[in-house]
């Protein structure tokens, strides 16, 4: 399984935010720290805000901040928010089922079980468990 860079970058930003959850971070600051596109990170922060994981404020002293205690945000919740609309395989996408093996494919059932187990495992850990306390050296 491979996650999108969108999700990878989202986790990096959230890990940093979890290290000092009382603080707001600008997208420019996070983008520079992790050497990622500010524009791309802005889209990620918007999606995390829509999911209720972060809150954002504009203007001086603004930025993004965790919406609640990082110990209350599971990794599974984050993954679901960031990978929304990204099916594991084509046949999981209700709008784009072009697989010639459907409806009799038995692999689909196995993959669905693996995906559920993966998410269940991530639901056992929180953002607090993976917090990144400071800028990397």
C-alpha atoms as a PDB file:
ATOM      1  CA  UNK A   1       0.000   0.000   0.000  1.00  0.00           C
ATOM      2  CA  UNK A   2       1.247   3.461  -0.797  1.00  0.00           C
ATOM      3  CA  UNK A   3      -0.214   6.681   0.529  1.00  0.00           C
ATOM      4  CA  UNK A   4      -0.414   9.812  -1.575  1.00  0.00           C
ATOM      5  CA  UNK A   5       2.105  12.610  -1.039  1.00  0.00           C
ATOM      6  CA  UNK A   6      -0.906  14.696   0.002  1.00  0.00           C
ATOM      7  CA  UNK A   7      -1.384  12.398   3.001  1.00  0.00           C
ATOM      8  CA  UNK A   8       2.340  12.114   3.702  1.00  0.00           C
ATOM      9  CA  UNK A   9       2.695  15.898   3.845  1.00  0.00           C
ATOM     10  CA  UNK A  10      -0.459  16.179   5.947  1.00  0.00           C
ATOM     11  CA  UNK A  11       0.939  13.770   8.508  1.00  0.00           C
ATOM     12  CA  UNK A  12       4.234  15.700   8.628  1.00  0.00           C
ATOM     13  CA  UNK A  13       2.451  18.991   9.286  1.00  0.00           C
ATOM     14  CA  UNK A  14       0.189  17.449  11.926  1.00  0.00           C
ATOM     15  CA  UNK A  15       3.105  15.741  13.670  1.00  0.00           C
ATOM     16  CA  UNK A  16       4.811  19.112  14.008  1.00  0.00           C
ATOM     17  CA  UNK A  17       1.632  20.798  15.190  1.00  0.00           C
ATOM     18  CA  UNK A  18       1.117  18.041  17.776  1.00  0.00           C
ATOM     19  CA  UNK A  19       4.568  18.791  19.214  1.00  0.00           C
ATOM     20  CA  UNK A  20       3.326  22.196  20.391  1.00  0.00           C
ATOM     21  CA  UNK A  21      -0.471  21.956  20.137  1.00  0.00           C
ATOM     22  CA  UNK A  22      -1.138  25.312  21.772  1.00  0.00           C
ATOM     23  CA  UNK A  23       0.697  27.130  18.973  1.00  0.00           C
ATOM     24  CA  UNK A  24      -0.471  28.246  15.524  1.00  0.00           C
ATOM     25  CA  UNK A  25       1.698  27.488  12.499  1.00  0.00           C
ATOM     26  CA  UNK A  26       1.721  29.316   9.190  1.00  0.00           C
ATOM     27  CA  UNK A  27       1.741  27.256   6.023  1.00  0.00           C
ATOM     28  CA  UNK A  28       4.905  29.079   4.998  1.00  0.00           C
ATOM     29  CA  UNK A  29       6.668  28.006   8.189  1.00  0.00           C
ATOM     30  CA  UNK A  30       5.619  24.352   7.880  1.00  0.00           C
ATOM     31  CA  UNK A  31       6.372  24.263   4.163  1.00  0.00           C
ATOM     32  CA  UNK A  32       9.887  25.576   4.753  1.00  0.00           C
ATOM     33  CA  UNK A  33      10.555  23.230   7.680  1.00  0.00           C
ATOM     34  CA  UNK A  34       9.597  20.136   5.705  1.00  0.00           C
ATOM     35  CA  UNK A  35      10.744  21.349   2.260  1.00  0.00           C
ATOM     36  CA  UNK A  36       7.324  20.977   0.676  1.00  0.00           C
ATOM     37  CA  UNK A  37       5.237  23.202  -1.586  1.00  0.00           C
ATOM     38  CA  UNK A  38       3.407  25.958   0.304  1.00  0.00           C
ATOM     39  CA  UNK A  39       0.571  25.858  -2.237  1.00  0.00           C
ATOM     40  CA  UNK A  40       0.186  22.084  -1.834  1.00  0.00           C
ATOM     41  CA  UNK A  41       0.298  22.418   1.961  1.00  0.00           C
ATOM     42  CA  UNK A  42      -2.412  25.086   1.857  1.00  0.00           C
ATOM     43  CA  UNK A  43      -4.749  22.609   0.150  1.00  0.00           C
ATOM     44  CA  UNK A  44      -3.915  19.992   2.774  1.00  0.00           C
ATOM     45  CA  UNK A  45      -4.617  22.410   5.637  1.00  0.00           C
ATOM     46  CA  UNK A  46      -7.954  23.333   4.020  1.00  0.00           C
ATOM     47  CA  UNK A  47      -8.953  19.664   3.875  1.00  0.00           C
ATOM     48  CA  UNK A  48      -7.869  19.089   7.494  1.00  0.00           C
ATOM     49  CA  UNK A  49      -9.883  22.148   8.509  1.00  0.00           C
ATOM     50  CA  UNK A  50     -12.960  20.872   6.679  1.00  0.00           C
ATOM     51  CA  UNK A  51     -12.562  17.575   8.571  1.00  0.00           C
ATOM     52  CA  UNK A  52     -12.418  19.421  11.907  1.00  0.00           C
ATOM     53  CA  UNK A  53      -8.859  18.326  12.663  1.00  0.00           C
ATOM     54  CA  UNK A  54      -7.346  21.824  12.549  1.00  0.00           C
ATOM     55  CA  UNK A  55      -8.701  25.315  12.901  1.00  0.00           C
ATOM     56  CA  UNK A  56      -7.375  28.197  10.857  1.00  0.00           C
ATOM     57  CA  UNK A  57      -7.226  31.935  11.404  1.00  0.00           C
ATOM     58  CA  UNK A  58      -6.189  34.625   8.949  1.00  0.00           C
ATOM     59  CA  UNK A  59      -4.085  37.669   9.646  1.00  0.00           C
ATOM     60  CA  UNK A  60      -1.343  38.475  12.098  1.00  0.00           C
ATOM     61  CA  UNK A  61      -0.863  35.690  14.621  1.00  0.00           C
ATOM     62  CA  UNK A  62      -3.048  33.473  12.489  1.00  0.00           C
ATOM     63  CA  UNK A  63      -2.278  30.136  10.940  1.00  0.00           C
ATOM     64  CA  UNK A  64      -3.337  26.567  11.590  1.00  0.00           C
ATOM     65  CA  UNK A  65      -3.683  24.947  14.977  1.00  0.00           C
ATOM     66  CA  UNK A  66      -5.004  21.584  16.112  1.00  0.00           C
ATOM     67  CA  UNK A  67      -8.732  21.710  16.813  1.00  0.00           C
ATOM     68  CA  UNK A  68      -8.376  19.533  19.919  1.00  0.00           C
ATOM     69  CA  UNK A  69      -5.914  17.591  22.052  1.00  0.00           C
ATOM     70  CA  UNK A  70      -3.668  15.456  19.784  1.00  0.00           C
ATOM     71  CA  UNK A  71      -4.398  12.479  22.049  1.00  0.00           C
ATOM     72  CA  UNK A  72      -8.007  12.626  20.812  1.00  0.00           C
ATOM     73  CA  UNK A  73      -7.151  12.500  17.092  1.00  0.00           C
ATOM     74  CA  UNK A  74      -6.540   8.994  15.789  1.00  0.00           C
ATOM     75  CA  UNK A  75      -4.208   8.313  12.903  1.00  0.00           C
ATOM     76  CA  UNK A  76      -7.064   6.480  11.197  1.00  0.00           C
ATOM     77  CA  UNK A  77      -9.224   9.599  11.332  1.00  0.00           C
ATOM     78  CA  UNK A  78      -6.431  11.625   9.743  1.00  0.00           C
ATOM     79  CA  UNK A  79      -5.882   9.055   7.016  1.00  0.00           C
ATOM     80  CA  UNK A  80      -9.591   8.895   6.199  1.00  0.00           C
ATOM     81  CA  UNK A  81      -9.750  12.696   5.980  1.00  0.00           C
ATOM     82  CA  UNK A  82      -6.704  13.035   3.741  1.00  0.00           C
ATOM     83  CA  UNK A  83      -7.353  10.020   1.512  1.00  0.00           C
ATOM     84  CA  UNK A  84     -11.047  10.818   1.034  1.00  0.00           C
ATOM     85  CA  UNK A  85     -11.987  10.071  -2.559  1.00  0.00           C
ATOM     86  CA  UNK A  86      -8.836   7.975  -3.146  1.00  0.00           C
ATOM     87  CA  UNK A  87      -9.988   4.353  -3.362  1.00  0.00           C
ATOM     88  CA  UNK A  88      -7.426   1.642  -2.666  1.00  0.00           C
ATOM     89  CA  UNK A  89      -8.188   0.053  -6.039  1.00  0.00           C
ATOM     90  CA  UNK A  90     -10.375   1.054  -8.963  1.00  0.00           C
ATOM     91  CA  UNK A  91     -13.176  -1.363  -8.121  1.00  0.00           C
ATOM     92  CA  UNK A  92     -13.670   0.349  -4.737  1.00  0.00           C
ATOM     93  CA  UNK A  93     -14.636   3.568  -6.510  1.00  0.00           C
ATOM     94  CA  UNK A  94     -18.430   3.549  -6.934  1.00  0.00           C
ATOM     95  CA  UNK A  95     -18.174   6.111  -9.755  1.00  0.00           C
ATOM     96  CA  UNK A  96     -15.514   4.293 -11.802  1.00  0.00           C
ATOM     97  CA  UNK A  97     -15.913   0.519 -11.791  1.00  0.00           C
ATOM     98  CA  UNK A  98     -14.343  -0.587 -15.051  1.00  0.00           C
ATOM     99  CA  UNK A  99     -12.781  -3.822 -13.824  1.00  0.00           C
ATOM    100  CA  UNK A 100     -13.582  -6.726 -16.111  1.00  0.00           C
ATOM    101  CA  UNK A 101     -13.423  -9.140 -13.160  1.00  0.00           C
ATOM    102  CA  UNK A 102     -16.479  -7.691 -11.423  1.00  0.00           C
ATOM    103  CA  UNK A 103     -18.793  -8.922 -10.018  1.00  0.00           C
ATOM    104  CA  UNK A 104     -17.071 -12.281  -9.385  1.00  0.00           C
ATOM    105  CA  UNK A 105     -13.659 -11.089  -8.212  1.00  0.00           C
ATOM    106  CA  UNK A 106     -12.563 -12.635  -4.928  1.00  0.00           C
ATOM    107  CA  UNK A 107      -9.496 -10.387  -4.599  1.00  0.00           C
ATOM    108  CA  UNK A 108     -11.760  -7.426  -3.903  1.00  0.00           C
ATOM    109  CA  UNK A 109     -13.012  -9.025  -0.668  1.00  0.00           C
ATOM    110  CA  UNK A 110      -9.441  -9.693   0.484  1.00  0.00           C
ATOM    111  CA  UNK A 111      -8.346  -6.137  -0.253  1.00  0.00           C
ATOM    112  CA  UNK A 112     -11.366  -4.698   1.548  1.00  0.00           C
ATOM    113  CA  UNK A 113     -10.474  -6.752   4.619  1.00  0.00           C
ATOM    114  CA  UNK A 114      -6.843  -5.632   4.476  1.00  0.00           C
ATOM    115  CA  UNK A 115      -7.862  -1.987   4.153  1.00  0.00           C
ATOM    116  CA  UNK A 116     -10.233  -2.310   7.122  1.00  0.00           C
ATOM    117  CA  UNK A 117      -7.487  -3.952   9.229  1.00  0.00           C
ATOM    118  CA  UNK A 118      -5.035  -1.196   8.248  1.00  0.00           C
ATOM    119  CA  UNK A 119      -7.451   1.540   9.320  1.00  0.00           C
ATOM    120  CA  UNK A 120      -8.364  -0.340  12.497  1.00  0.00           C
ATOM    121  CA  UNK A 121      -4.669  -0.524  13.393  1.00  0.00           C
ATOM    122  CA  UNK A 122      -4.252   3.221  12.812  1.00  0.00           C
ATOM    123  CA  UNK A 123      -7.308   3.865  14.973  1.00  0.00           C
ATOM    124  CA  UNK A 124      -5.327   2.429  17.908  1.00  0.00           C
ATOM    125  CA  UNK A 125      -2.750   5.271  17.808  1.00  0.00           C
ATOM    126  CA  UNK A 126      -3.156   9.001  18.109  1.00  0.00           C
ATOM    127  CA  UNK A 127      -1.424  12.065  16.828  1.00  0.00           C
ATOM    128  CA  UNK A 128       0.099  12.480  20.299  1.00  0.00           C
ATOM    129  CA  UNK A 129       1.905   9.166  19.795  1.00  0.00           C
ATOM    130  CA  UNK A 130       3.775  10.518  16.756  1.00  0.00           C
ATOM    131  CA  UNK A 131       4.246  14.167  17.756  1.00  0.00           C
ATOM    132  CA  UNK A 132       7.352  15.882  16.367  1.00  0.00           C
ATOM    133  CA  UNK A 133       8.472  18.291  19.099  1.00  0.00           C
ATOM    134  CA  UNK A 134      10.784  20.588  17.178  1.00  0.00           C
ATOM    135  CA  UNK A 135      12.230  21.474  13.838  1.00  0.00           C
ATOM    136  CA  UNK A 136      14.574  18.767  12.539  1.00  0.00           C
ATOM    137  CA  UNK A 137      18.289  19.546  12.717  1.00  0.00           C
END
